[in-house]
PDB file of N, CA and C in Angstrom:
ATOM      1  N   UNK A   1     147.305  77.124 177.651  1.00  0.00           N
ATOM      2  CA  UNK A   1     145.964  78.421 177.518  1.00  0.00           C
ATOM      3  C   UNK A   1     145.207  77.684 178.448  1.00  0.00           C
ATOM      4  N   UNK A   2     144.250  78.052 179.165  1.00  0.00           N
ATOM      5  CA  UNK A   2     142.951  77.920 180.091  1.00  0.00           C
ATOM      6  C   UNK A   2     141.992  77.606 179.202  1.00  0.00           C
ATOM      7  N   UNK A   3     140.986  77.058 179.669  1.00  0.00           N
ATOM      8  CA  UNK A   3     139.500  76.656 178.880  1.00  0.00           C
ATOM      9  C   UNK A   3     138.726  78.447 178.992  1.00  0.00           C
ATOM     10  N   UNK A   4     139.067  79.053 179.894  1.00  0.00           N
ATOM     11  CA  UNK A   4     138.253  80.465 180.564  1.00  0.00           C
ATOM     12  C   UNK A   4     139.112  81.368 179.019  1.00  0.00           C
ATOM     13  N   UNK A   5     140.131  81.291 178.750  1.00  0.00           N
ATOM     14  CA  UNK A   5     141.036  81.876 178.378  1.00  0.00           C
ATOM     15  C   UNK A   5     140.369  82.020 176.698  1.00  0.00           C
ATOM     16  N   UNK A   6     140.527  80.619 176.145  1.00  0.00           N
ATOM     17  CA  UNK A   6     139.995  80.414 174.751  1.00  0.00           C
ATOM     18  C   UNK A   6     138.942  80.555 174.661  1.00  0.00           C
ATOM     19  N   UNK A   7     137.434  80.555 175.626  1.00  0.00           N
ATOM     20  CA  UNK A   7     135.960  81.075 175.863  1.00  0.00           C
ATOM     21  C   UNK A   7     136.180  82.214 175.128  1.00  0.00           C
ATOM     22  N   UNK A   8     137.068  83.008 176.441  1.00  0.00           N
ATOM     23  CA  UNK A   8     136.983  84.833 176.243  1.00  0.00           C
ATOM     24  C   UNK A   8     137.754  84.746 174.758  1.00  0.00           C
ATOM     25  N   UNK A   9     138.616  84.206 174.068  1.00  0.00           N
ATOM     26  CA  UNK A   9     139.031  84.735 172.918  1.00  0.00           C
ATOM     27  C   UNK A   9     137.914  84.154 171.743  1.00  0.00           C
ATOM     28  N   UNK A  10     137.077  83.189 171.981  1.00  0.00           N
ATOM     29  CA  UNK A  10     136.197  82.796 171.248  1.00  0.00           C
ATOM     30  C   UNK A  10     134.682  83.978 170.590  1.00  0.00           C
ATOM     31  N   UNK A  11     134.667  84.278 172.297  1.00  0.00           N
ATOM     32  CA  UNK A  11     133.456  85.657 172.300  1.00  0.00           C
ATOM     33  C   UNK A  11     133.813  86.818 171.875  1.00  0.00           C
ATOM     34  N   UNK A  12     135.523  87.288 172.210  1.00  0.00           N
ATOM     35  CA  UNK A  12     135.759  88.620 171.630  1.00  0.00           C
ATOM     36  C   UNK A  12     135.678  88.694 169.794  1.00  0.00           C
ATOM     37  N   UNK A  13     136.320  87.251 169.169  1.00  0.00           N
ATOM     38  CA  UNK A  13     136.206  86.999 167.914  1.00  0.00           C
ATOM     39  C   UNK A  13     134.827  86.829 167.325  1.00  0.00           C
ATOM     40  N   UNK A  14     133.756  86.466 168.078  1.00  0.00           N
ATOM     41  CA  UNK A  14     132.468  86.107 167.805  1.00  0.00           C
ATOM     42  C   UNK A  14     132.416  85.109 167.051  1.00  0.00           C
ATOM     43  N   UNK A  15     133.380  84.150 167.439  1.00  0.00           N
ATOM     44  CA  UNK A  15     133.360  82.672 167.041  1.00  0.00           C
ATOM     45  C   UNK A  15     132.355  81.798 168.443  1.00  0.00           C
ATOM     46  N   UNK A  16     132.070  80.821 167.270  1.00  0.00           N
ATOM     47  CA  UNK A  16     131.125  80.001 168.652  1.00  0.00           C
ATOM     48  C   UNK A  16     131.854  78.884 168.296  1.00  0.00           C
ATOM     49  N   UNK A  17     132.592  78.328 168.936  1.00  0.00           N
ATOM     50  CA  UNK A  17     133.540  77.375 169.626  1.00  0.00           C
ATOM     51  C   UNK A  17     132.500  75.946 170.421  1.00  0.00           C
ATOM     52  N   UNK A  18     132.532  74.721 169.692  1.00  0.00           N
ATOM     53  CA  UNK A  18     131.667  73.825 170.358  1.00  0.00           C
ATOM     54  C   UNK A  18     132.649  73.150 171.539  1.00  0.00           C
ATOM     55  N   UNK A  19     131.849  72.121 172.616  1.00  0.00           N
ATOM     56  CA  UNK A  19     132.627  71.511 173.461  1.00  0.00           C
ATOM     57  C   UNK A  19     134.008  71.067 172.846  1.00  0.00           C
ATOM     58  N   UNK A  20     133.666  70.000 171.823  1.00  0.00           N
ATOM     59  CA  UNK A  20     134.629  69.352 171.535  1.00  0.00           C
ATOM     60  C   UNK A  20     135.778  70.246 170.985  1.00  0.00           C
ATOM     61  N   UNK A  21     135.632  71.293 170.213  1.00  0.00           N
ATOM     62  CA  UNK A  21     136.746  71.772 169.609  1.00  0.00           C
ATOM     63  C   UNK A  21     137.756  72.781 170.861  1.00  0.00           C
ATOM     64  N   UNK A  22     137.193  73.085 171.661  1.00  0.00           N
ATOM     65  CA  UNK A  22     138.067  73.451 172.854  1.00  0.00           C
ATOM     66  C   UNK A  22     139.004  73.244 173.182  1.00  0.00           C
ATOM     67  N   UNK A  23     139.336  71.934 173.127  1.00  0.00           N
ATOM     68  CA  UNK A  23     140.382  71.338 173.363  1.00  0.00           C
ATOM     69  C   UNK A  23     141.357  71.278 172.470  1.00  0.00           C
ATOM     70  N   UNK A  24     141.322  70.782 170.989  1.00  0.00           N
ATOM     71  CA  UNK A  24     141.755  71.022 169.878  1.00  0.00           C
ATOM     72  C   UNK A  24     142.499  72.534 169.903  1.00  0.00           C
ATOM     73  N   UNK A  25     141.498  73.481 170.010  1.00  0.00           N
ATOM     74  CA  UNK A  25     142.165  74.454 169.888  1.00  0.00           C
ATOM     75  C   UNK A  25     142.833  75.106 171.007  1.00  0.00           C
ATOM     76  N   UNK A  26     142.671  74.946 172.241  1.00  0.00           N
ATOM     77  CA  UNK A  26     143.627  75.081 173.030  1.00  0.00           C
ATOM     78  C   UNK A  26     144.878  74.267 172.900  1.00  0.00           C
ATOM     79  N   UNK A  27     145.149  73.283 172.194  1.00  0.00           N
ATOM     80  CA  UNK A  27     146.655  72.609 172.004  1.00  0.00           C
ATOM     81  C   UNK A  27     147.126  73.284 170.977  1.00  0.00           C
ATOM     82  N   UNK A  28     146.089  73.861 170.144  1.00  0.00           N
ATOM     83  CA  UNK A  28     146.955  74.448 168.952  1.00  0.00           C
ATOM     84  C   UNK A  28     147.321  75.761 168.944  1.00  0.00           C
ATOM     85  N   UNK A  29     146.491  76.347 170.026  1.00  0.00           N
ATOM     86  CA  UNK A  29     147.442  77.995 170.651  1.00  0.00           C
ATOM     87  C   UNK A  29     148.315  77.747 171.422  1.00  0.00           C
ATOM     88  N   UNK A  30     148.393  76.559 172.708  1.00  0.00           N
ATOM     89  CA  UNK A  30     149.682  76.166 172.824  1.00  0.00           C
ATOM     90  C   UNK A  30     150.982  75.778 172.054  1.00  0.00           C
ATOM     91  N   UNK A  31     150.488  75.239 171.270  1.00  0.00           N
ATOM     92  CA  UNK A  31     152.017  75.029 169.921  1.00  0.00           C
ATOM     93  C   UNK A  31     151.913  76.388 169.465  1.00  0.00           C
ATOM     94  N   UNK A  32     151.462  77.079 169.326  1.00  0.00           N
ATOM     95  CA  UNK A  32     151.600  78.363 168.199  1.00  0.00           C
ATOM     96  C   UNK A  32     152.390  79.190 169.244  1.00  0.00           C
ATOM     97  N   UNK A  33     151.948  79.317 171.011  1.00  0.00           N
ATOM     98  CA  UNK A  33     152.829  80.224 171.509  1.00  0.00           C
ATOM     99  C   UNK A  33     154.197  79.638 172.294  1.00  0.00           C
ATOM    100  N   UNK A  34     154.687  78.351 171.796  1.00  0.00           N
ATOM    101  CA  UNK A  34     155.327  77.781 172.163  1.00  0.00           C
ATOM    102  C   UNK A  34     156.172  78.321 170.658  1.00  0.00           C
ATOM    103  N   UNK A  35     155.859  77.788 169.721  1.00  0.00           N
ATOM    104  CA  UNK A  35     156.758  78.606 168.889  1.00  0.00           C
ATOM    105  C   UNK A  35     157.447  80.277 168.546  1.00  0.00           C
ATOM    106  N   UNK A  36     156.427  80.698 168.816  1.00  0.00           N
ATOM    107  CA  UNK A  36     156.578  82.275 169.383  1.00  0.00           C
ATOM    108  C   UNK A  36     157.383  82.436 170.145  1.00  0.00           C
ATOM    109  N   UNK A  37     157.334  81.547 171.267  1.00  0.00           N
ATOM    110  CA  UNK A  37     158.552  82.005 172.353  1.00  0.00           C
ATOM    111  C   UNK A  37     159.847  81.176 172.014  1.00  0.00           C
ATOM    112  N   UNK A  38     159.927  80.329 171.053  1.00  0.00           N
ATOM    113  CA  UNK A  38     160.928  80.000 170.521  1.00  0.00           C
ATOM    114  C   UNK A  38     161.344  80.926 169.579  1.00  0.00           C
ATOM    115  N   UNK A  39     160.958  81.616 168.825  1.00  0.00           N
ATOM    116  CA  UNK A  39     161.581  82.903 168.123  1.00  0.00           C
ATOM    117  C   UNK A  39     161.911  83.938 168.335  1.00  0.00           C
ATOM    118  N   UNK A  40     161.676  84.109 169.660  1.00  0.00           N
ATOM    119  CA  UNK A  40     162.513  85.137 170.847  1.00  0.00           C
ATOM    120  C   UNK A  40     163.533  85.056 170.771  1.00  0.00           C
ATOM    121  N   UNK A  41     163.562  83.391 171.010  1.00  0.00           N
ATOM    122  CA  UNK A  41     165.069  83.413 171.817  1.00  0.00           C
ATOM    123  C   UNK A  41     165.864  83.473 170.688  1.00  0.00           C
ATOM    124  N   UNK A  42     165.689  83.753 169.543  1.00  0.00           N
ATOM    125  CA  UNK A  42     166.698  84.275 168.063  1.00  0.00           C
ATOM    126  C   UNK A  42     167.581  85.285 168.339  1.00  0.00           C
ATOM    127  N   UNK A  43     168.918  84.900 168.334  1.00  0.00           N
ATOM    128  CA  UNK A  43     169.526  86.252 168.347  1.00  0.00           C
ATOM    129  C   UNK A  43     169.589  87.171 166.360  1.00  0.00           C
ATOM    130  N   UNK A  44     168.686  88.134 166.596  1.00  0.00           N
ATOM    131  CA  UNK A  44     168.491  88.576 164.931  1.00  0.00           C
ATOM    132  C   UNK A  44     169.358  89.901 165.177  1.00  0.00           C
ATOM    133  N   UNK A  45     170.193  90.201 166.513  1.00  0.00           N
ATOM    134  CA  UNK A  45     170.976  91.469 166.118  1.00  0.00           C
ATOM    135  C   UNK A  45     171.808  92.251 165.348  1.00  0.00           C
ATOM    136  N   UNK A  46     172.393  90.829 164.251  1.00  0.00           N
ATOM    137  CA  UNK A  46     173.456  91.118 162.970  1.00  0.00           C
ATOM    138  C   UNK A  46     172.755  90.869 162.110  1.00  0.00           C
ATOM    139  N   UNK A  47     171.196  90.901 161.962  1.00  0.00           N
ATOM    140  CA  UNK A  47     170.413  90.233 161.145  1.00  0.00           C
ATOM    141  C   UNK A  47     169.697  92.043 160.028  1.00  0.00           C
ATOM    142  N   UNK A  48     170.279  91.854 159.343  1.00  0.00           N
ATOM    143  CA  UNK A  48     170.001  93.297 158.197  1.00  0.00           C
ATOM    144  C   UNK A  48     168.394  92.867 157.888  1.00  0.00           C
ATOM    145  N   UNK A  49     167.417  94.377 158.445  1.00  0.00           N
ATOM    146  CA  UNK A  49     165.960  93.778 158.083  1.00  0.00           C
ATOM    147  C   UNK A  49     165.714  93.907 156.612  1.00  0.00           C
ATOM    148  N   UNK A  50     165.111  92.912 156.068  1.00  0.00           N
ATOM    149  CA  UNK A  50     164.455  93.017 154.868  1.00  0.00           C
ATOM    150  C   UNK A  50     163.008  93.662 154.376  1.00  0.00           C
ATOM    151  N   UNK A  51     162.718  93.827 152.676  1.00  0.00           N
ATOM    152  CA  UNK A  51     161.500  93.669 152.700  1.00  0.00           C
ATOM    153  C   UNK A  51     160.953  91.868 152.589  1.00  0.00           C
ATOM    154  N   UNK A  52     162.053  91.505 151.813  1.00  0.00           N
ATOM    155  CA  UNK A  52     161.360  90.274 150.620  1.00  0.00           C
ATOM    156  C   UNK A  52     162.559  89.553 151.524  1.00  0.00           C
ATOM    157  N   UNK A  53     162.359  87.742 151.150  1.00  0.00           N
ATOM    158  CA  UNK A  53     162.866  86.839 151.563  1.00  0.00           C
ATOM    159  C   UNK A  53     163.925  86.538 150.513  1.00  0.00           C
ATOM    160  N   UNK A  54     163.781  86.608 149.828  1.00  0.00           N
ATOM    161  CA  UNK A  54     164.584  86.101 148.462  1.00  0.00           C
ATOM    162  C   UNK A  54     164.790  87.006 147.513  1.00  0.00           C
ATOM    163  N   UNK A  55     165.968  87.281 147.538  1.00  0.00           N
ATOM    164  CA  UNK A  55     166.441  88.865 146.414  1.00  0.00           C
ATOM    165  C   UNK A  55     165.922  88.743 145.117  1.00  0.00           C
ATOM    166  N   UNK A  56     165.531  90.230 144.734  1.00  0.00           N
ATOM    167  CA  UNK A  56     164.946  89.860 143.599  1.00  0.00           C
ATOM    168  C   UNK A  56     165.446  90.798 142.571  1.00  0.00           C
ATOM    169  N   UNK A  57     165.023  90.658 141.231  1.00  0.00           N
ATOM    170  CA  UNK A  57     165.995  91.345 140.313  1.00  0.00           C
ATOM    171  C   UNK A  57     164.639  91.608 139.181  1.00  0.00           C
ATOM    172  N   UNK A  58     165.403  93.027 138.294  1.00  0.00           N
ATOM    173  CA  UNK A  58     164.351  93.447 137.783  1.00  0.00           C
ATOM    174  C   UNK A  58     164.277  92.199 136.129  1.00  0.00           C
ATOM    175  N   UNK A  59     162.731  91.701 136.212  1.00  0.00           N
ATOM    176  CA  UNK A  59     162.680  90.761 134.836  1.00  0.00           C
ATOM    177  C   UNK A  59     162.298  91.418 133.609  1.00  0.00           C
ATOM    178  N   UNK A  60     162.324  92.984 133.913  1.00  0.00           N
ATOM    179  CA  UNK A  60     161.789  93.046 132.587  1.00  0.00           C
ATOM    180  C   UNK A  60     162.962  93.494 131.335  1.00  0.00           C
ATOM    181  N   UNK A  61     162.507  93.143 130.492  1.00  0.00           N
ATOM    182  CA  UNK A  61     163.919  93.378 129.217  1.00  0.00           C
ATOM    183  C   UNK A  61     163.715  95.466 128.833  1.00  0.00           C
ATOM    184  N   UNK A  62     165.032  95.506 128.268  1.00  0.00           N
ATOM    185  CA  UNK A  62     165.195  96.654 127.903  1.00  0.00           C
ATOM    186  C   UNK A  62     164.256  97.508 127.068  1.00  0.00           C
ATOM    187  N   UNK A  63     163.907  98.598 127.411  1.00  0.00           N
ATOM    188  CA  UNK A  63     163.124  99.276 126.603  1.00  0.00           C
ATOM    189  C   UNK A  63     163.638  99.778 125.089  1.00  0.00           C
ATOM    190  N   UNK A  64     164.069  98.993 124.178  1.00  0.00           N
ATOM    191  CA  UNK A  64     164.045  99.048 123.162  1.00  0.00           C
ATOM    192  C   UNK A  64     163.103  99.568 121.585  1.00  0.00           C
ATOM    193  N   UNK A  65     163.646 100.105 120.760  1.00  0.00           N
ATOM    194  CA  UNK A  65     162.542 100.830 119.354  1.00  0.00           C
ATOM    195  C   UNK A  65     163.071  99.374 118.768  1.00  0.00           C
ATOM    196  N   UNK A  66     162.023  98.740 118.496  1.00  0.00           N
ATOM    197  CA  UNK A  66     161.767  97.529 117.244  1.00  0.00           C
ATOM    198  C   UNK A  66     161.247  97.771 116.430  1.00  0.00           C
ATOM    199  N   UNK A  67     161.301  97.137 115.231  1.00  0.00           N
ATOM    200  CA  UNK A  67     160.085  96.851 113.857  1.00  0.00           C
ATOM    201  C   UNK A  67     158.711  96.799 114.275  1.00  0.00           C
ATOM    202  N   UNK A  68     158.175  97.400 114.573  1.00  0.00           N
ATOM    203  CA  UNK A  68     156.224  96.675 114.194  1.00  0.00           C
ATOM    204  C   UNK A  68     155.765  96.934 113.501  1.00  0.00           C
ATOM    205  N   UNK A  69     154.614  95.908 113.433  1.00  0.00           N
ATOM    206  CA  UNK A  69     153.986  96.182 112.448  1.00  0.00           C
ATOM    207  C   UNK A  69     153.438  96.757 111.670  1.00  0.00           C
ATOM    208  N   UNK A  70     153.186  96.537 110.071  1.00  0.00           N
ATOM    209  CA  UNK A  70     152.421  97.518 109.531  1.00  0.00           C
ATOM    210  C   UNK A  70     150.629  97.035 109.385  1.00  0.00           C
ATOM    211  N   UNK A  71     150.164  98.799 108.962  1.00  0.00           N
ATOM    212  CA  UNK A  71     148.490  97.846 109.000  1.00  0.00           C
ATOM    213  C   UNK A  71     148.148  97.252 108.791  1.00  0.00           C
ATOM    214  N   UNK A  72     148.405  96.620 107.344  1.00  0.00           N
ATOM    215  CA  UNK A  72     148.315  95.992 106.477  1.00  0.00           C
ATOM    216  C   UNK A  72     148.205  94.115 107.302  1.00  0.00           C
ATOM    217  N   UNK A  73     149.657  94.167 108.068  1.00  0.00           N
ATOM    218  CA  UNK A  73     150.227  92.905 108.617  1.00  0.00           C
ATOM    219  C   UNK A  73     149.352  93.151 110.092  1.00  0.00           C
ATOM    220  N   UNK A  74     148.759  94.072 110.573  1.00  0.00           N
ATOM    221  CA  UNK A  74     147.969  93.973 112.013  1.00  0.00           C
ATOM    222  C   UNK A  74     146.781  93.276 111.518  1.00  0.00           C
ATOM    223  N   UNK A  75     146.219  93.751 110.407  1.00  0.00           N
ATOM    224  CA  UNK A  75     145.025  94.011 109.704  1.00  0.00           C
ATOM    225  C   UNK A  75     144.547  92.075 109.316  1.00  0.00           C
ATOM    226  N   UNK A  76     145.847  91.704 108.513  1.00  0.00           N
ATOM    227  CA  UNK A  76     145.467  90.502 107.873  1.00  0.00           C
ATOM    228  C   UNK A  76     145.003  89.438 108.514  1.00  0.00           C
ATOM    229  N   UNK A  77     144.606  89.091 109.792  1.00  0.00           N
ATOM    230  CA  UNK A  77     144.017  87.931 110.458  1.00  0.00           C
ATOM    231  C   UNK A  77     142.855  88.308 110.993  1.00  0.00           C
ATOM    232  N   UNK A  78     142.444  89.709 110.984  1.00  0.00           N
ATOM    233  CA  UNK A  78     141.418  90.118 111.521  1.00  0.00           C
ATOM    234  C   UNK A  78     139.989  89.552 111.179  1.00  0.00           C
ATOM    235  N   UNK A  79     139.183  89.055 111.631  1.00  0.00           N
ATOM    236  CA  UNK A  79     138.024  88.648 110.791  1.00  0.00           C
ATOM    237  C   UNK A  79     137.372  89.859 109.748  1.00  0.00           C
ATOM    238  N   UNK A  80     137.057  90.566 110.129  1.00  0.00           N
ATOM    239  CA  UNK A  80     136.761  92.305 109.634  1.00  0.00           C
ATOM    240  C   UNK A  80     137.009  93.396 110.055  1.00  0.00           C
ATOM    241  N   UNK A  81     137.732  94.003 108.705  1.00  0.00           N
ATOM    242  CA  UNK A  81     138.119  95.015 108.998  1.00  0.00           C
ATOM    243  C   UNK A  81     137.891  96.089 107.949  1.00  0.00           C
ATOM    244  N   UNK A  82     137.243  97.335 108.246  1.00  0.00           N
ATOM    245  CA  UNK A  82     136.626  98.454 107.044  1.00  0.00           C
ATOM    246  C   UNK A  82     137.553  99.966 107.654  1.00  0.00           C
ATOM    247  N   UNK A  83     138.453 100.382 106.241  1.00  0.00           N
ATOM    248  CA  UNK A  83     138.934 101.751 106.062  1.00  0.00           C
ATOM    249  C   UNK A  83     140.319 101.605 106.966  1.00  0.00           C
ATOM    250  N   UNK A  84     140.872 100.349 107.174  1.00  0.00           N
ATOM    251  CA  UNK A  84     142.045 100.503 107.740  1.00  0.00           C
ATOM    252  C   UNK A  84     142.064 100.086 109.385  1.00  0.00           C
ATOM    253  N   UNK A  85     140.875  99.615 109.600  1.00  0.00           N
ATOM    254  CA  UNK A  85     140.593  99.796 111.046  1.00  0.00           C
ATOM    255  C   UNK A  85     139.923  98.355 111.587  1.00  0.00           C
ATOM    256  N   UNK A  86     140.270  97.670 112.586  1.00  0.00           N
ATOM    257  CA  UNK A  86     139.401  96.366 113.228  1.00  0.00           C
ATOM    258  C   UNK A  86     137.618  97.205 113.141  1.00  0.00           C
ATOM    259  N   UNK A  87     136.901  96.129 112.485  1.00  0.00           N
ATOM    260  CA  UNK A  87     135.619  96.191 113.030  1.00  0.00           C
ATOM    261  C   UNK A  87     134.705  95.123 113.177  1.00  0.00           C
ATOM    262  N   UNK A  88     134.270  95.651 114.511  1.00  0.00           N
ATOM    263  CA  UNK A  88     133.612  94.823 115.720  1.00  0.00           C
ATOM    264  C   UNK A  88     132.146  94.839 115.716  1.00  0.00           C
ATOM    265  N   UNK A  89     131.199  93.876 115.976  1.00  0.00           N
ATOM    266  CA  UNK A  89     130.058  94.277 116.415  1.00  0.00           C
ATOM    267  C   UNK A  89     129.638  95.202 117.384  1.00  0.00           C
ATOM    268  N   UNK A  90     128.740  95.866 116.984  1.00  0.00           N
ATOM    269  CA  UNK A  90     127.894  96.880 117.888  1.00  0.00           C
ATOM    270  C   UNK A  90     127.674  96.084 119.280  1.00  0.00           C
ATOM    271  N   UNK A  91     128.229  96.776 120.220  1.00  0.00           N
ATOM    272  CA  UNK A  91     128.288  96.730 121.815  1.00  0.00           C
ATOM    273  C   UNK A  91     127.148  97.358 122.313  1.00  0.00           C
ATOM    274  N   UNK A  92     126.849  98.433 122.249  1.00  0.00           N
ATOM    275  CA  UNK A  92     126.263  99.424 122.612  1.00  0.00           C
ATOM    276  C   UNK A  92     124.986 100.031 121.466  1.00  0.00           C
ATOM    277  N   UNK A  93     123.534  99.929 122.073  1.00  0.00           N
ATOM    278  CA  UNK A  93     122.616 100.479 121.179  1.00  0.00           C
ATOM    279  C   UNK A  93     123.044 102.416 120.743  1.00  0.00           C
ATOM    280  N   UNK A  94     122.746 102.621 119.492  1.00  0.00           N
ATOM    281  CA  UNK A  94     123.101 103.838 119.272  1.00  0.00           C
ATOM    282  C   UNK A  94     121.341 105.014 119.652  1.00  0.00           C
TER     283      UNK A  94
END
């Protein structure tokens, strides 16, 4: 890339690039553009489009009915309980 192109891109992007950074940015963009050109040369005609790079699988367990805690068991470790419910400090004023 040319210096003028870098300055124009920086201006359009509203970026301030110092004189020292222009040569670094030019080199980095050149490398990136060469990489993109290399990607264009790859034959992807027989490659099926995918959404994910790796195969995915459902990691959820089966939805099965299982025994749950009784009310007493659920409240057994609660610091406070009242009338079969968890009791917590008031958060909102009445």
